Amino acid sequence: MRFLSTRGASPEVSLRDALGSGLAPDGGLYVPARLEPLAPEAVETLLEASREEIAGRLASHLLGDDLEAGALRQIVETSLTFPVPLVRIEEGIHCLELFWGPTLAFKDVGARFMAQLMLHFRKAQDEELTILVATSGDTGAAVAHAFHGLDGFRVEVLFPERQVSEAQKKLFTTLNGNVSSLAIDGSFDDCQRLVKQAFADTDLRRVRPLASANSINVGRLLPQIFYYFCAMSQLPHNHGAAVISTPSGNFGNLTAGLMAKRLGLPVARFVAATNVNDTVPRYLETGTVDPRPSVSTISNAMDVGDPSNLSRIRYLYGDDIAALRRDLVGSHHTDDEVQRTMQQIYHASGYVLDPHSAVGYLGLRTVGEILPDGCGVFLATAHPAKFKEIVEPTIGHAIETPAVLAECLDKPERFTPLSTEYEEFRDYLS
């Protein structure tokens, strides 16, 4: 597979080069030069397969020209070691639980696959590669765990000091080894800006090879296609037309879903479900991109005012807003709405939603009238135990802490505080 920049001013590159670069030289994001649709009969067969078979066949379809079959199979088997179950919440609505990986968040899927891909392409004589990752909560932990202990890699996690939960933070600030954490005195947008400035700094990159692990990296983006097919494969037969609601912040997850639809995923429409950081829903409504400073919410991993992957979505649809609206509808929700939904679902069924997954559920409810005879799937992107300080008071009940999280809560943290000034970040990296 070859990759192009969304800005169109850089040459095509290989998978290995796209993985190692993050941003294209022209500042754009890499996208597949072509997404070859699967034949309808291949999609039908795929939806009858197991999770492992779905991931393996899709990986082969997407990346089979870049890796030999045995190596690709090993990457799939090493990275995707946890289930992604579909749970019925109520009549016509199902939840895809993507939080059973080592950091209890959906980002484990993409991060682990990407780490194994990069390890495969790495040569013994290569210089140490520094992975820069800006996180609004879950990405940092997923990437840190995926690369922790891998020879030849250094991970620098940038997080907004006062805008991540304690559980989220503990999952990456307690690892140490080849993982370092930087507490930025600002927002996620500030963290993301610092990372982008570093990638644009050619002098810095001459002395310190850099790569990205945010969803701007195609290595993290493409594996997320797998679980959309896993969701559809677990729906009851004769389920009717399906809508999938994706709680969204930087929009890599939703971009993967739209790519899955391009490959042949039989879904009628997607919902771009956000909190009050509603840049994409406003774009769908007005046709104008109007990023704004991010606002802090209880669904903090989605507090992104200028989502990077909107450029990929626009590229995928050739900036044809009418075509995009046929596949995607937006919804945005306040903290009050989110907490009421968490309470209602818990009292009705005993099911516990985290604040991000609740946004996904609300997205389905918002557009439910579009497909009254069909069914809806929303993505549960994080385990509720990562947000106990919000979830427990909201539902009025204690929730159990999974062992993987309990183990790190008592460990000492290590992180370096930094301002939002690029020069200070550059000096740290140098």
Protein backbone atom coordinates (compact mmCIF):
# COMPACT_ATOMS: atom_id res chain seq x y z
CA MET A 1 0.00 0.00 0.00
CA ARG A 2 1.20 3.48 -0.88
CA PHE A 3 0.32 6.64 1.04
CA LEU A 4 -0.40 10.23 0.00
CA SER A 5 -0.57 13.47 1.97
CA THR A 6 -3.95 15.09 2.52
CA ARG A 7 -2.37 18.35 1.33
CA GLY A 8 -1.25 16.80 -1.95
CA ALA A 9 2.19 18.42 -2.08
CA SER A 10 4.34 15.44 -1.04
CA PRO A 11 5.25 12.32 -3.04
CA GLU A 12 3.77 8.90 -2.36
CA VAL A 13 5.58 6.88 0.30
CA SER A 14 5.71 3.28 1.48
CA LEU A 15 4.08 1.93 4.62
CA ARG A 16 7.42 1.93 6.42
CA ASP A 17 8.08 5.57 5.54
CA ALA A 18 4.55 6.64 6.52
CA LEU A 19 4.91 4.85 9.86
CA GLY A 20 8.21 6.53 10.62
CA SER A 21 7.21 10.01 9.50
CA GLY A 22 3.87 10.71 11.17
CA LEU A 23 3.19 13.94 9.29
CA ALA A 24 4.00 14.23 5.60
CA PRO A 25 6.72 16.77 4.60
CA ASP A 26 4.03 19.24 3.45
CA GLY A 27 2.39 19.11 6.90
CA GLY A 28 -0.51 16.92 5.80
CA LEU A 29 -1.60 13.55 7.16
CA TYR A 30 -0.92 10.34 5.28
CA VAL A 31 -3.89 8.49 3.77
CA PRO A 32 -3.98 5.33 1.66
CA ALA A 33 -3.46 6.20 -2.01
CA ARG A 34 -6.28 3.74 -2.72
CA LEU A 35 -8.73 1.80 -0.58
CA GLU A 36 -9.63 -1.23 -2.66
CA PRO A 37 -13.21 -2.33 -1.80
CA LEU A 38 -13.79 -5.93 -0.86
CA ALA A 39 -16.03 -8.00 -3.08
CA PRO A 40 -19.57 -8.38 -1.61
CA GLU A 41 -19.09 -12.13 -1.20
CA ALA A 42 -15.81 -11.49 0.65
CA VAL A 43 -17.58 -9.12 3.05
CA GLU A 44 -20.31 -11.69 3.64
CA THR A 45 -17.72 -14.36 4.44
CA LEU A 46 -15.78 -11.95 6.64
CA LEU A 47 -18.83 -11.22 8.78
CA GLU A 48 -19.14 -14.92 9.57
CA ALA A 49 -15.54 -15.17 10.76
CA SER A 50 -13.95 -14.95 14.22
CA ARG A 51 -12.34 -11.79 15.56
CA GLU A 52 -8.86 -13.14 14.78
CA GLU A 53 -9.83 -14.13 11.25
CA ILE A 54 -11.46 -10.75 10.60
CA ALA A 55 -8.33 -8.89 11.70
CA GLY A 56 -6.04 -11.21 9.75
CA ARG A 57 -7.99 -11.03 6.50
CA LEU A 58 -8.37 -7.26 6.65
CA ALA A 59 -4.70 -6.80 7.53
CA SER A 60 -3.79 -8.95 4.54
CA HIS A 61 -6.13 -6.99 2.27
CA LEU A 62 -4.71 -3.66 3.40
CA LEU A 63 -1.04 -4.47 4.02
CA GLY A 64 -0.41 -7.78 2.28
CA ASP A 65 1.83 -6.17 -0.34
CA ASP A 66 4.10 -4.76 2.37
CA LEU A 67 4.58 -7.77 4.65
CA GLU A 68 4.77 -11.47 4.00
CA ALA A 69 1.89 -13.53 5.35
CA GLY A 70 3.74 -15.09 8.31
CA ALA A 71 5.00 -11.75 9.62
CA LEU A 72 1.57 -10.16 9.30
CA ARG A 73 -0.08 -13.06 11.09
CA GLN A 74 2.46 -12.74 13.91
CA ILE A 75 1.73 -9.02 14.28
CA VAL A 76 -2.02 -9.68 14.48
CA GLU A 77 -1.60 -12.47 17.01
CA THR A 78 0.83 -10.51 19.19
CA SER A 79 -1.15 -7.28 19.29
CA LEU A 80 -4.82 -8.34 19.37
CA THR A 81 -4.91 -10.59 22.41
CA PHE A 82 -8.16 -9.41 24.03
CA PRO A 83 -11.87 -9.72 23.18
CA VAL A 84 -14.14 -7.04 21.67
CA PRO A 85 -17.63 -8.21 22.69
CA LEU A 86 -20.92 -6.74 21.51
CA VAL A 87 -23.39 -6.31 24.38
CA ARG A 88 -27.14 -5.71 24.03
CA ILE A 89 -28.14 -2.65 26.07
CA GLU A 90 -31.79 -2.40 25.12
CA GLU A 91 -34.07 -3.20 22.22
CA GLY A 92 -32.27 -2.26 19.01
CA ILE A 93 -29.17 -0.82 20.70
CA HIS A 94 -25.87 -2.62 21.22
CA CYS A 95 -22.55 -1.59 22.73
CA LEU A 96 -19.18 -2.70 21.35
CA GLU A 97 -16.86 -2.99 24.36
CA LEU A 98 -13.41 -1.95 23.23
CA PHE A 99 -11.91 -1.60 26.70
CA TRP A 100 -10.58 -5.06 27.51
CA GLY A 101 -6.98 -4.37 26.49
CA PRO A 102 -4.08 -3.68 28.88
CA THR A 103 -4.95 0.01 29.38
CA LEU A 104 -8.74 -0.43 29.36
CA ALA A 105 -9.35 1.75 26.29
CA PHE A 106 -10.10 1.25 22.59
CA LYS A 107 -6.74 2.75 21.69
CA ASP A 108 -4.98 -0.46 22.74
CA VAL A 109 -6.04 -1.98 19.40
CA GLY A 110 -4.34 0.58 17.20
CA ALA A 111 -1.38 1.29 19.47
CA ARG A 112 -0.33 -2.33 19.92
CA PHE A 113 -0.68 -3.12 16.22
CA MET A 114 1.30 -0.02 15.28
CA ALA A 115 4.09 -0.83 17.76
CA GLN A 116 4.49 -4.31 16.33
CA LEU A 117 4.49 -2.96 12.78
CA MET A 118 7.21 -0.45 13.62
CA LEU A 119 9.23 -3.12 15.41
CA HIS A 120 8.97 -5.35 12.32
CA PHE A 121 10.33 -2.65 10.00
CA ARG A 122 13.05 -1.53 12.37
CA LYS A 123 16.62 -2.53 11.54
CA ALA A 124 19.18 -3.35 14.22
CA GLN A 125 21.52 -0.56 13.13
CA ASP A 126 18.81 2.12 13.15
CA GLU A 127 19.14 5.00 15.59
CA GLU A 128 16.82 5.05 18.58
CA LEU A 129 13.43 6.36 17.46
CA THR A 130 11.59 8.78 19.73
CA ILE A 131 7.82 8.34 19.71
CA LEU A 132 6.00 11.59 20.49
CA VAL A 133 2.42 11.25 21.67
CA ALA A 134 0.02 13.96 22.79
CA THR A 135 -2.79 12.59 24.92
CA SER A 136 -6.10 13.88 26.21
CA GLY A 137 -6.36 10.82 28.43
CA ASP A 138 -6.24 7.34 26.93
CA THR A 139 -3.83 7.56 24.00
CA GLY A 140 -0.77 8.12 26.18
CA ALA A 141 -1.32 4.99 28.23
CA ALA A 142 -2.08 2.82 25.20
CA VAL A 143 1.04 3.95 23.32
CA ALA A 144 3.26 3.82 26.41
CA HIS A 145 2.23 0.23 27.16
CA ALA A 146 2.49 -0.81 23.50
CA PHE A 147 6.13 0.36 23.23
CA HIS A 148 7.22 -0.25 26.83
CA GLY A 149 10.33 -2.41 26.84
CA LEU A 150 10.73 -2.55 23.04
CA ASP A 151 14.38 -2.10 22.05
CA GLY A 152 15.19 0.93 19.92
CA PHE A 153 12.21 3.05 20.95
CA ARG A 154 11.84 5.98 23.34
CA VAL A 155 8.34 7.27 24.21
CA GLU A 156 7.57 10.85 25.29
CA VAL A 157 3.96 11.31 26.47
CA LEU A 158 2.66 14.90 26.56
CA PHE A 159 -0.49 15.37 28.67
CA PRO A 160 -2.45 18.42 29.88
CA GLU A 161 -1.53 18.50 33.55
CA ARG A 162 -4.99 19.27 34.97
CA GLN A 163 -7.22 17.63 32.37
CA VAL A 164 -6.73 13.87 32.70
CA SER A 165 -8.14 11.59 35.37
CA GLU A 166 -5.88 10.12 38.04
CA ALA A 167 -6.43 6.60 36.72
CA GLN A 168 -5.61 7.63 33.16
CA LYS A 169 -2.45 9.36 34.31
CA LYS A 170 -1.26 6.50 36.52
CA LEU A 171 -1.33 4.11 33.57
CA PHE A 172 1.54 5.93 31.86
CA THR A 173 3.36 7.98 34.54
CA THR A 174 4.26 4.83 36.51
CA LEU A 175 5.88 2.83 33.68
CA ASN A 176 9.34 4.45 33.54
CA GLY A 177 12.01 2.54 31.58
CA ASN A 178 11.87 3.79 28.00
CA VAL A 179 8.71 5.84 28.72
CA SER A 180 8.78 9.46 29.97
CA SER A 181 5.82 11.71 30.73
CA LEU A 182 5.60 15.48 30.26
CA ALA A 183 2.93 17.43 32.18
CA ILE A 184 2.08 20.41 29.96
CA ASP A 185 0.64 23.50 31.63
CA GLY A 186 -2.18 23.83 29.09
CA SER A 187 -4.77 21.92 27.08
CA PHE A 188 -4.63 18.89 24.81
CA ASP A 189 -4.56 21.25 21.85
CA ASP A 190 -1.34 22.73 23.29
CA CYS A 191 0.15 19.24 23.57
CA GLN A 192 -0.80 18.43 20.00
CA ARG A 193 0.59 21.74 18.76
CA LEU A 194 3.96 21.06 20.44
CA VAL A 195 4.16 17.64 18.80
CA LYS A 196 3.34 19.07 15.36
CA GLN A 197 5.94 21.82 15.81
CA ALA A 198 8.56 19.21 16.66
CA PHE A 199 7.78 17.26 13.49
CA ALA A 200 8.07 20.44 11.43
CA ASP A 201 11.45 21.26 13.03
CA THR A 202 13.94 19.85 10.53
CA ASP A 203 16.95 20.85 12.64
CA LEU A 204 15.62 18.91 15.62
CA ARG A 205 14.83 15.86 13.51
CA ARG A 206 18.38 15.76 12.20
CA VAL A 207 19.69 15.12 15.71
CA ARG A 208 16.76 13.14 17.10
CA PRO A 209 14.69 10.84 14.84
CA LEU A 210 11.01 11.29 15.66
CA ALA A 211 7.81 9.40 14.94
CA SER A 212 4.21 9.98 15.92
CA ALA A 213 1.88 7.62 17.73
CA ASN A 214 -1.26 9.73 17.76
CA SER A 215 -4.02 8.90 15.32
CA ILE A 216 -2.17 11.12 12.86
CA ASN A 217 -0.03 7.99 12.29
CA VAL A 218 -1.57 5.59 9.77
CA GLY A 219 -0.17 2.66 11.72
CA ARG A 220 -2.59 3.41 14.52
CA LEU A 221 -5.44 4.39 12.27
CA LEU A 222 -5.74 1.39 9.95
CA PRO A 223 -6.10 -1.38 12.61
CA GLN A 224 -9.17 0.40 13.98
CA ILE A 225 -10.97 -0.68 10.81
CA PHE A 226 -10.91 -4.24 12.17
CA TYR A 227 -13.34 -3.79 15.03
CA TYR A 228 -16.05 -2.13 12.96
CA PHE A 229 -16.30 -5.40 11.05
CA CYS A 230 -16.17 -7.26 14.39
CA ALA A 231 -19.16 -5.24 15.57
CA MET A 232 -21.24 -6.04 12.49
CA SER A 233 -20.27 -9.72 12.68
CA GLN A 234 -21.83 -10.00 16.16
CA LEU A 235 -25.18 -8.38 15.38
CA PRO A 236 -28.21 -10.68 15.22
CA HIS A 237 -29.11 -11.91 11.76
CA ASN A 238 -31.84 -9.92 10.01
CA HIS A 239 -31.00 -6.90 12.13
CA GLY A 240 -32.02 -4.42 9.46
CA ALA A 241 -30.12 -1.28 8.57
CA ALA A 242 -27.42 -0.38 11.08
CA VAL A 243 -26.15 2.93 12.44
CA ILE A 244 -22.84 3.14 14.29
CA SER A 245 -22.19 5.97 16.74
CA THR A 246 -18.56 6.79 17.47
CA PRO A 247 -17.72 9.05 20.44
CA SER A 248 -15.12 11.33 18.94
CA GLY A 249 -12.32 13.70 19.94
CA ASN A 250 -9.45 13.74 17.44
CA PHE A 251 -11.60 11.70 15.01
CA GLY A 252 -9.16 8.94 14.12
CA ASN A 253 -11.65 6.34 15.32
CA LEU A 254 -14.43 7.69 13.14
CA THR A 255 -12.08 8.07 10.16
CA ALA A 256 -11.34 4.34 10.43
CA GLY A 257 -15.07 3.63 10.45
CA LEU A 258 -15.62 5.66 7.29
CA MET A 259 -12.72 3.80 5.68
CA ALA A 260 -14.35 0.53 6.72
CA LYS A 261 -17.52 1.65 4.94
CA ARG A 262 -15.44 2.43 1.84
CA LEU A 263 -14.10 -1.15 2.01
CA GLY A 264 -17.63 -2.55 2.11
CA LEU A 265 -18.82 -2.49 5.74
CA PRO A 266 -22.62 -2.79 5.48
CA VAL A 267 -23.53 0.16 7.69
CA ALA A 268 -26.17 2.72 6.72
CA ARG A 269 -24.73 5.72 8.51
CA PHE A 270 -22.28 6.85 11.17
CA VAL A 271 -22.80 9.36 13.96
CA ALA A 272 -20.01 11.75 14.91
CA ALA A 273 -20.90 12.03 18.61
CA THR A 274 -19.03 14.69 20.55
CA ASN A 275 -19.22 16.58 23.81
CA VAL A 276 -19.44 20.39 23.62
CA ASN A 277 -16.20 20.40 21.60
CA ASP A 278 -18.31 20.20 18.48
CA THR A 279 -16.10 21.29 15.57
CA VAL A 280 -17.15 18.38 13.34
CA PRO A 281 -20.91 18.47 14.05
CA ARG A 282 -20.80 22.21 13.25
CA TYR A 283 -18.89 21.48 10.05
CA LEU A 284 -21.55 18.96 9.02
CA GLU A 285 -24.25 21.53 9.70
CA THR A 286 -22.64 24.59 8.12
CA GLY A 287 -20.03 23.26 5.69
CA THR A 288 -17.45 25.51 7.36
CA VAL A 289 -14.47 24.35 9.43
CA ASP A 290 -14.34 26.57 12.50
CA PRO A 291 -11.98 25.14 15.16
CA ARG A 292 -12.19 26.69 18.59
CA PRO A 293 -10.17 26.37 21.81
CA SER A 294 -11.03 23.14 23.59
CA VAL A 295 -13.39 23.17 26.57
CA SER A 296 -12.89 20.88 29.58
CA THR A 297 -15.63 18.30 30.12
CA ILE A 298 -16.19 15.08 32.06
CA SER A 299 -15.50 13.16 28.82
CA ASN A 300 -11.99 14.58 28.82
CA ALA A 301 -10.42 12.28 26.22
CA MET A 302 -12.70 14.01 23.69
CA ASP A 303 -11.78 17.57 24.64
CA VAL A 304 -10.29 18.48 21.27
CA GLY A 305 -11.06 21.81 19.65
CA ASP A 306 -9.10 21.31 16.42
CA PRO A 307 -9.33 17.60 15.49
CA SER A 308 -6.48 16.53 13.22
CA ASN A 309 -8.36 13.77 11.44
CA LEU A 310 -11.01 16.06 10.02
CA SER A 311 -8.54 16.67 7.19
CA ARG A 312 -8.52 12.92 6.46
CA ILE A 313 -12.31 12.78 6.45
CA ARG A 314 -12.51 15.72 4.06
CA TYR A 315 -9.87 14.12 1.81
CA LEU A 316 -11.72 10.81 1.82
CA TYR A 317 -14.85 12.56 0.52
CA GLY A 318 -13.07 14.97 -1.79
CA ASP A 319 -14.42 17.89 0.25
CA ASP A 320 -17.91 16.95 -0.98
CA ILE A 321 -19.97 17.90 2.06
CA ALA A 322 -23.19 16.56 0.51
CA ALA A 323 -21.62 13.12 0.05
CA LEU A 324 -20.26 13.17 3.59
CA ARG A 325 -23.68 14.08 5.00
CA ARG A 326 -25.15 10.98 3.37
CA ASP A 327 -22.79 8.83 5.45
CA LEU A 328 -22.34 10.92 8.59
CA VAL A 329 -24.52 12.91 10.95
CA GLY A 330 -23.26 14.89 13.93
CA SER A 331 -24.46 15.21 17.51
CA HIS A 332 -23.04 17.08 20.49
CA HIS A 333 -23.91 16.77 24.16
CA THR A 334 -23.41 18.58 27.44
CA ASP A 335 -22.06 17.12 30.69
CA ASP A 336 -25.57 17.26 32.16
CA GLU A 337 -26.95 15.15 29.31
CA VAL A 338 -24.10 12.68 29.69
CA GLN A 339 -24.62 12.24 33.44
CA ARG A 340 -28.39 11.85 33.07
CA THR A 341 -27.81 9.16 30.47
CA MET A 342 -25.34 7.31 32.70
CA GLN A 343 -27.93 7.35 35.50
CA GLN A 344 -30.81 6.25 33.28
CA ILE A 345 -28.94 3.35 31.71
CA TYR A 346 -27.65 2.13 35.06
CA HIS A 347 -31.05 2.28 36.74
CA ALA A 348 -32.79 0.65 33.78
CA SER A 349 -30.37 -2.21 33.13
CA GLY A 350 -27.48 -2.12 35.62
CA TYR A 351 -25.06 -1.38 32.79
CA VAL A 352 -22.32 1.12 33.66
CA LEU A 353 -21.21 3.59 31.00
CA ASP A 354 -18.16 5.76 31.21
CA PRO A 355 -18.70 9.43 30.17
CA HIS A 356 -17.29 8.89 26.67
CA SER A 357 -19.37 5.83 25.88
CA ALA A 358 -22.43 7.71 27.14
CA VAL A 359 -21.79 10.32 24.44
CA GLY A 360 -21.83 7.48 21.90
CA TYR A 361 -25.17 6.23 23.24
CA LEU A 362 -26.62 9.73 23.06
CA GLY A 363 -25.48 9.95 19.44
CA LEU A 364 -27.68 6.97 18.59
CA ARG A 365 -30.62 8.41 20.47
CA THR A 366 -30.25 11.72 18.66
CA VAL A 367 -30.57 10.14 15.21
CA GLY A 368 -32.81 7.22 16.14
CA GLU A 369 -35.63 8.48 13.99
CA ILE A 370 -33.50 8.06 10.85
CA LEU A 371 -33.71 4.27 10.94
CA PRO A 372 -36.70 3.34 13.09
CA ASP A 373 -36.71 -0.29 11.91
CA GLY A 374 -32.97 -0.86 12.13
CA CYS A 375 -30.47 -1.17 14.94
CA GLY A 376 -27.72 0.90 16.45
CA VAL A 377 -24.23 0.18 17.75
CA PHE A 378 -22.23 2.61 19.85
CA LEU A 379 -18.59 2.19 20.76
CA ALA A 380 -17.65 1.90 24.43
CA THR A 381 -14.20 3.41 24.29
CA ALA A 382 -13.02 3.18 27.91
CA HIS A 383 -13.69 1.14 31.04
CA PRO A 384 -15.79 3.11 33.58
CA ALA A 385 -13.28 2.35 36.34
CA LYS A 386 -10.89 4.81 34.69
CA PHE A 387 -13.36 7.56 35.63
CA LYS A 388 -14.51 6.47 39.09
CA GLU A 389 -14.50 10.02 40.40
CA ILE A 390 -17.24 10.83 37.86
CA VAL A 391 -19.03 7.51 37.43
CA GLU A 392 -19.60 6.49 41.06
CA PRO A 393 -21.23 9.75 42.25
CA THR A 394 -23.29 9.85 39.07
CA ILE A 395 -24.80 6.37 39.38
CA GLY A 396 -24.69 6.29 43.18
CA HIS A 397 -22.88 2.97 43.31
CA ALA A 398 -19.30 1.73 43.71
CA ILE A 399 -17.71 -0.02 40.75
CA GLU A 400 -14.96 -2.63 40.77
CA THR A 401 -11.44 -1.69 39.71
CA PRO A 402 -9.92 -4.14 37.19
CA ALA A 403 -6.66 -5.72 38.32
CA VAL A 404 -4.57 -4.07 35.59
CA LEU A 405 -5.59 -0.65 36.89
CA ALA A 406 -5.43 -1.51 40.60
CA GLU A 407 -1.79 -2.60 40.20
CA CYS A 408 -0.61 0.81 39.06
CA LEU A 409 -2.66 3.06 41.34
CA ASP A 410 -0.27 2.64 44.26
CA LYS A 411 2.90 3.02 42.23
CA PRO A 412 4.86 6.29 42.38
CA GLU A 413 4.50 8.66 39.45
CA ARG A 414 7.32 10.31 37.52
CA PHE A 415 6.78 13.18 35.12
CA THR A 416 8.42 16.42 34.01
CA PRO A 417 6.39 19.67 34.11
CA LEU A 418 6.73 21.92 31.05
CA SER A 419 5.11 25.12 29.84
CA THR A 420 3.35 25.46 26.48
CA GLU A 421 6.38 27.22 24.95
CA TYR A 422 7.90 25.25 22.07
CA GLU A 423 11.47 26.32 22.86
CA GLU A 424 11.26 24.69 26.28
CA PHE A 425 9.95 21.46 24.73
CA ARG A 426 12.62 21.59 22.05
CA ASP A 427 15.37 22.04 24.66
CA TYR A 428 14.01 19.03 26.54
CA LEU A 429 14.13 16.87 23.43
CA SER A 430 17.56 18.11 22.43
